[in-house]
Amino acid sequence: MPATLHEHALFAGRPVLAGVHRVDADIEAHAHDFLEIAVVATGDGRHMTSRGEHPLRRGHVIVLRPGAWHGFRGCADLVVANCCLSTRAPGPDLAALYDIPMLRRMLWTDPVASGTHGVAVTSVDPAAAEEAVAQIGLLARDLGAKQSRPGRVLGRLATVLGVLADARDRDGPTPEPALHPAVAATVARLEAAPDRPWRLDDLARAVNLDPAYLGRLFRRAVGLTPLGYLARLRVEHAATLLAHSALPTARVGAAVGWDDPTYFARRFRSLSGLTPTEYRQRSRSWAP
């Protein structure tokens, strides 16, 4: 299994991470527990995902959902700008970005619903790529400033996302990828009530499919099993409650569907890299 990079070890308690990097060596396959946007500026290399290897070129925009994996091979003078977002506890300002249709399509629909196991690769024109890379560089500078600049960080992040979304949609909105109706219905059920004690048999019965067949369809489209997807939803909901409420951790677990505090702590740590208590402490160390 690819190693997993954890936001608690990289983000310094902030909800955003950014940087511009020159890559001249292979980067081993790895997953993340955060969302990553990578913009290719110049150079050569090949991008590895669960779908195989593909050559990179200037203007490629790679979006990876939490849990997805990728790597780079054969890199030579490859310059990549990375903008990473916490999806555990993004706060009300960042969470609002997901309510904008063009951003939701870029950050969620394309990588999740396209059957690419949480990874979407699209292209923007060179001018847009250059502008996005420059803005990501400025974002990295703002994040590294000695004095906290949450307003400037949020504005710079919105600019980066806006540049990429506009460039992707320059010929009009891209039709949203079609999910198999049974997968779409299952996703809707899980997202509407992640605290319910869902079983694969129940989900399959609701869409009139064999459980094993639904599991295959779902994994092919989303990159996770239905119950694996449910666990991700629960951890994201739990992280938001830990960061933005005073509920005891045991009650947070119960609120997302894990009534046993020990089991909740184990599942949360396995997917986030931190215990619920550690996550709460770190998520509050930097707040806009």
Protein backbone atom coordinates (compact mmCIF):
# COMPACT_ATOMS: atom_id res chain seq x y z
CA MET A 1 0.00 0.00 0.00
CA PRO A 2 1.32 3.54 -0.74
CA ALA A 3 2.39 5.57 2.27
CA THR A 4 -0.09 8.21 3.46
CA LEU A 5 0.90 11.85 4.01
CA HIS A 6 -0.98 13.37 6.95
CA GLU A 7 -2.00 17.00 7.16
CA HIS A 8 -1.18 17.18 10.88
CA ALA A 9 2.47 16.59 10.02
CA LEU A 10 2.60 19.07 7.12
CA PHE A 11 0.08 21.89 7.60
CA ALA A 12 1.46 23.40 10.85
CA GLY A 13 -2.09 23.58 12.18
CA ARG A 14 -3.36 25.62 9.24
CA PRO A 15 -6.11 24.60 6.83
CA VAL A 16 -4.02 25.33 3.70
CA LEU A 17 -0.58 24.26 2.44
CA ALA A 18 1.12 25.61 -0.68
CA GLY A 19 4.46 25.53 -2.47
CA VAL A 20 6.22 25.54 -5.85
CA HIS A 21 8.68 22.67 -6.32
CA ARG A 22 11.29 21.62 -8.89
CA VAL A 23 11.39 17.83 -9.23
CA ASP A 24 14.29 15.96 -10.82
CA ALA A 25 13.82 12.56 -9.18
CA ASP A 26 11.06 9.99 -8.90
CA ILE A 27 8.43 10.57 -6.23
CA GLU A 28 7.17 7.30 -4.81
CA ALA A 29 3.46 6.56 -4.89
CA HIS A 30 1.71 8.09 -1.89
CA ALA A 31 -1.77 8.94 -0.66
CA HIS A 32 -3.01 11.95 1.34
CA ASP A 33 -5.59 12.57 4.03
CA PHE A 34 -6.15 16.03 2.50
CA LEU A 35 -7.15 17.41 -0.91
CA GLU A 36 -4.31 18.32 -3.28
CA ILE A 37 -4.30 20.47 -6.41
CA ALA A 38 -1.10 20.28 -8.48
CA VAL A 39 -0.43 22.54 -11.47
CA VAL A 40 2.35 21.57 -13.90
CA ALA A 41 4.38 24.60 -14.97
CA THR A 42 7.28 23.22 -17.01
CA GLY A 43 9.43 20.14 -17.48
CA ASP A 44 8.88 16.47 -18.18
CA GLY A 45 7.66 13.48 -16.21
CA ARG A 46 5.07 10.75 -15.99
CA HIS A 47 2.15 10.68 -13.58
CA MET A 48 1.28 7.37 -11.89
CA THR A 49 -2.22 6.61 -10.59
CA SER A 50 -4.43 3.56 -10.22
CA ARG A 51 -5.26 4.07 -13.92
CA GLY A 52 -1.64 3.62 -15.02
CA GLU A 53 1.12 6.01 -16.16
CA HIS A 54 0.57 9.07 -18.35
CA PRO A 55 2.96 11.80 -19.56
CA LEU A 56 2.71 15.21 -17.93
CA ARG A 57 2.69 18.44 -19.86
CA ARG A 58 2.51 22.15 -19.11
CA GLY A 59 -0.95 23.20 -17.97
CA HIS A 60 -1.97 19.86 -16.49
CA VAL A 61 -4.06 20.30 -13.35
CA ILE A 62 -4.21 17.28 -11.04
CA VAL A 63 -6.85 17.11 -8.30
CA LEU A 64 -6.66 14.33 -5.71
CA ARG A 65 -9.32 13.64 -3.12
CA PRO A 66 -8.31 12.36 0.33
CA GLY A 67 -7.35 8.68 0.15
CA ALA A 68 -6.39 8.78 -3.54
CA TRP A 69 -2.78 7.99 -4.44
CA HIS A 70 -0.32 9.08 -7.12
CA GLY A 71 3.38 9.36 -7.86
CA PHE A 72 5.82 10.77 -10.41
CA ARG A 73 8.43 8.99 -12.53
CA GLY A 74 11.08 10.08 -15.01
CA CYS A 75 11.02 13.71 -13.87
CA ALA A 76 13.40 16.21 -15.47
CA ASP A 77 13.19 19.92 -14.61
CA LEU A 78 9.56 19.34 -13.65
CA VAL A 79 8.09 22.37 -11.87
CA VAL A 80 4.86 21.69 -9.99
CA ALA A 81 2.87 24.10 -7.85
CA ASN A 82 0.87 22.44 -5.06
CA CYS A 83 -2.12 23.87 -3.25
CA CYS A 84 -3.49 21.55 -0.55
CA LEU A 85 -6.68 21.95 1.46
CA SER A 86 -7.79 20.33 4.68
CA THR A 87 -11.08 18.49 4.18
CA ARG A 88 -11.39 17.48 7.82
CA ALA A 89 -12.13 20.85 9.37
CA PRO A 90 -11.93 23.53 6.70
CA GLY A 91 -13.83 26.12 8.71
CA PRO A 92 -16.85 28.07 7.51
CA ASP A 93 -14.90 30.24 5.06
CA LEU A 94 -13.24 27.38 3.18
CA ALA A 95 -16.33 25.20 3.41
CA ALA A 96 -18.26 27.90 1.53
CA LEU A 97 -16.00 27.35 -1.48
CA TYR A 98 -17.57 23.93 -1.98
CA ASP A 99 -20.99 25.58 -2.41
CA ILE A 100 -19.86 27.24 -5.67
CA PRO A 101 -20.84 24.89 -8.54
CA MET A 102 -17.72 25.41 -10.68
CA LEU A 103 -15.45 24.77 -7.67
CA ARG A 104 -17.50 21.82 -6.46
CA ARG A 105 -17.15 20.26 -9.90
CA MET A 106 -13.39 20.77 -9.88
CA LEU A 107 -12.76 19.71 -6.28
CA TRP A 108 -15.34 16.99 -5.85
CA THR A 109 -17.41 15.80 -8.81
CA ASP A 110 -14.63 15.27 -11.36
CA PRO A 111 -12.26 13.25 -9.15
CA VAL A 112 -15.00 11.33 -7.32
CA ALA A 113 -17.57 10.66 -10.01
CA SER A 114 -15.31 10.14 -13.00
CA GLY A 115 -14.31 6.58 -12.20
CA THR A 116 -10.66 7.60 -11.70
CA HIS A 117 -10.44 6.56 -8.05
CA GLY A 118 -10.34 10.04 -6.59
CA VAL A 119 -7.95 11.56 -9.16
CA ALA A 120 -8.89 13.94 -11.98
CA VAL A 121 -6.40 15.35 -14.53
CA THR A 122 -7.47 18.21 -16.77
CA SER A 123 -5.66 20.91 -18.75
CA VAL A 124 -5.64 24.69 -18.75
CA ASP A 125 -3.93 27.02 -21.23
CA PRO A 126 -0.30 28.04 -20.53
CA ALA A 127 -1.24 31.58 -19.49
CA ALA A 128 -3.72 30.31 -16.89
CA ALA A 129 -1.19 27.76 -15.63
CA GLU A 130 1.46 30.48 -15.29
CA GLU A 131 -0.96 32.73 -13.39
CA ALA A 132 -2.05 29.89 -11.08
CA VAL A 133 1.57 28.93 -10.33
CA ALA A 134 2.43 32.56 -9.53
CA GLN A 135 -0.56 32.86 -7.20
CA ILE A 136 0.33 29.60 -5.45
CA GLY A 137 3.83 30.97 -4.91
CA LEU A 138 2.36 34.10 -3.32
CA LEU A 139 0.03 31.94 -1.22
CA ALA A 140 3.05 30.00 0.06
CA ARG A 141 4.71 33.31 0.96
CA ASP A 142 1.64 34.50 2.88
CA LEU A 143 1.43 31.19 4.75
CA GLY A 144 5.10 31.49 5.71
CA ALA A 145 4.80 35.04 7.03
CA LYS A 146 5.65 35.52 10.71
CA GLN A 147 2.40 37.38 11.28
CA SER A 148 -0.80 35.40 10.65
CA ARG A 149 -2.66 36.62 7.54
CA PRO A 150 -5.83 34.50 7.37
CA GLY A 151 -7.74 37.04 5.29
CA ARG A 152 -4.96 37.33 2.73
CA VAL A 153 -4.55 33.55 2.64
CA LEU A 154 -8.26 33.07 1.99
CA GLY A 155 -8.26 35.70 -0.75
CA ARG A 156 -5.19 34.22 -2.43
CA LEU A 157 -6.70 30.72 -2.26
CA ALA A 158 -9.93 31.95 -3.84
CA THR A 159 -7.87 33.55 -6.65
CA VAL A 160 -5.99 30.31 -7.34
CA LEU A 161 -9.21 28.30 -7.49
CA GLY A 162 -10.93 30.95 -9.59
CA VAL A 163 -8.11 31.07 -12.15
CA LEU A 164 -8.18 27.29 -12.57
CA ALA A 165 -11.97 27.01 -12.62
CA ASP A 166 -12.32 29.78 -15.22
CA ALA A 167 -9.65 28.21 -17.43
CA ARG A 168 -11.26 24.78 -17.24
CA ASP A 169 -14.68 26.23 -18.11
CA ARG A 170 -13.55 28.63 -20.84
CA ASP A 171 -15.63 26.77 -23.44
CA GLY A 172 -18.64 26.55 -21.16
CA PRO A 173 -19.36 24.31 -18.18
CA THR A 174 -18.22 20.72 -18.57
CA PRO A 175 -21.12 18.29 -18.19
CA GLU A 176 -20.89 16.51 -14.85
CA PRO A 177 -19.78 12.88 -15.27
CA ALA A 178 -22.65 10.45 -15.05
CA LEU A 179 -22.65 8.02 -12.17
CA HIS A 180 -24.42 4.70 -12.38
CA PRO A 181 -27.87 5.44 -10.89
CA ALA A 182 -27.35 2.87 -8.15
CA VAL A 183 -24.02 4.43 -7.14
CA ALA A 184 -25.50 7.94 -7.20
CA ALA A 185 -28.43 6.82 -5.04
CA THR A 186 -26.09 5.12 -2.59
CA VAL A 187 -23.83 8.17 -2.33
CA ALA A 188 -26.90 10.34 -1.70
CA ARG A 189 -28.14 8.05 1.07
CA LEU A 190 -24.77 7.93 2.81
CA GLU A 191 -24.21 11.68 2.59
CA ALA A 192 -27.74 12.47 3.80
CA ALA A 193 -27.41 10.35 6.93
CA PRO A 194 -23.83 9.26 7.68
CA ASP A 195 -24.76 8.58 11.31
CA ARG A 196 -27.15 5.76 10.42
CA PRO A 197 -25.96 2.16 11.01
CA TRP A 198 -25.72 1.38 7.29
CA ARG A 199 -25.01 -2.16 6.11
CA LEU A 200 -24.07 -3.13 2.58
CA ASP A 201 -27.10 -5.43 2.41
CA ASP A 202 -29.40 -2.52 3.27
CA LEU A 203 -27.84 -0.24 0.68
CA ALA A 204 -28.01 -2.91 -2.00
CA ARG A 205 -31.62 -3.73 -1.20
CA ALA A 206 -32.55 -0.05 -1.57
CA VAL A 207 -31.29 -0.05 -5.19
CA ASN A 208 -32.39 -3.61 -6.02
CA LEU A 209 -28.88 -4.95 -6.61
CA ASP A 210 -26.80 -7.81 -5.30
CA PRO A 211 -24.51 -6.48 -2.51
CA ALA A 212 -21.33 -7.76 -4.18
CA TYR A 213 -22.32 -6.18 -7.51
CA LEU A 214 -23.13 -2.84 -5.86
CA GLY A 215 -19.78 -2.99 -4.09
CA ARG A 216 -17.95 -3.49 -7.40
CA LEU A 217 -19.86 -0.69 -9.13
CA PHE A 218 -19.26 1.68 -6.24
CA ARG A 219 -15.55 0.96 -5.96
CA ARG A 220 -15.09 1.34 -9.71
CA ALA A 221 -16.74 4.78 -9.66
CA VAL A 222 -15.60 6.20 -6.33
CA GLY A 223 -12.42 4.28 -5.54
CA LEU A 224 -13.73 3.11 -2.16
CA THR A 225 -16.24 0.54 -0.97
CA PRO A 226 -19.59 1.94 0.18
CA LEU A 227 -18.65 1.39 3.82
CA GLY A 228 -15.16 2.80 3.23
CA TYR A 229 -16.79 5.91 1.76
CA LEU A 230 -19.11 6.07 4.79
CA ALA A 231 -16.10 5.94 7.12
CA ARG A 232 -14.53 8.87 5.26
CA LEU A 233 -17.74 10.87 5.58
CA ARG A 234 -17.93 10.14 9.29
CA VAL A 235 -14.35 11.21 9.89
CA GLU A 236 -14.89 14.46 8.00
CA HIS A 237 -18.08 15.18 9.99
CA ALA A 238 -16.34 14.24 13.24
CA ALA A 239 -13.37 16.49 12.46
CA THR A 240 -15.67 19.45 11.87
CA LEU A 241 -17.41 18.84 15.21
CA LEU A 242 -14.08 18.46 17.01
CA ALA A 243 -12.81 21.74 15.58
CA HIS A 244 -15.96 23.82 15.89
CA SER A 245 -17.91 22.51 18.88
CA ALA A 246 -17.36 21.79 22.55
CA LEU A 247 -18.93 18.33 22.41
CA PRO A 248 -16.94 15.68 24.34
CA THR A 249 -15.15 13.34 21.97
CA ALA A 250 -17.38 10.42 22.93
CA ARG A 251 -20.46 12.42 21.94
CA VAL A 252 -18.78 13.44 18.68
CA GLY A 253 -18.30 9.76 17.86
CA ALA A 254 -21.92 8.98 18.66
CA ALA A 255 -23.09 11.94 16.58
CA VAL A 256 -21.43 10.54 13.45
CA GLY A 257 -22.54 6.94 14.00
CA TRP A 258 -19.76 5.39 16.10
CA ASP A 259 -21.27 4.87 19.54
CA ASP A 260 -18.31 3.01 21.03
CA PRO A 261 -15.72 5.69 22.03
CA THR A 262 -12.80 3.27 21.72
CA TYR A 263 -13.86 2.17 18.24
CA PHE A 264 -14.46 5.78 17.21
CA ALA A 265 -10.97 6.80 18.38
CA ARG A 266 -9.40 3.88 16.51
CA ARG A 267 -11.22 4.56 13.24
CA PHE A 268 -10.61 8.30 13.45
CA ARG A 269 -6.90 7.81 14.03
CA SER A 270 -6.58 5.26 11.23
CA LEU A 271 -7.99 7.73 8.70
CA SER A 272 -6.67 11.06 10.02
CA GLY A 273 -3.40 10.06 11.68
CA LEU A 274 -4.42 11.63 15.01
CA THR A 275 -6.60 10.73 17.96
CA PRO A 276 -9.77 12.84 18.29
CA THR A 277 -8.22 14.75 21.21
CA GLU A 278 -5.00 15.45 19.32
CA TYR A 279 -6.97 16.55 16.28
CA ARG A 280 -9.05 18.99 18.34
CA GLN A 281 -5.95 20.52 19.88
CA ARG A 282 -4.14 20.95 16.59
CA SER A 283 -7.13 22.19 14.60
CA ARG A 284 -7.57 25.05 17.09
CA SER A 285 -3.93 26.12 17.07
CA TRP A 286 -4.62 28.32 14.04
CA ALA A 287 -8.01 29.81 13.38
CA PRO A 288 -8.99 32.63 11.03
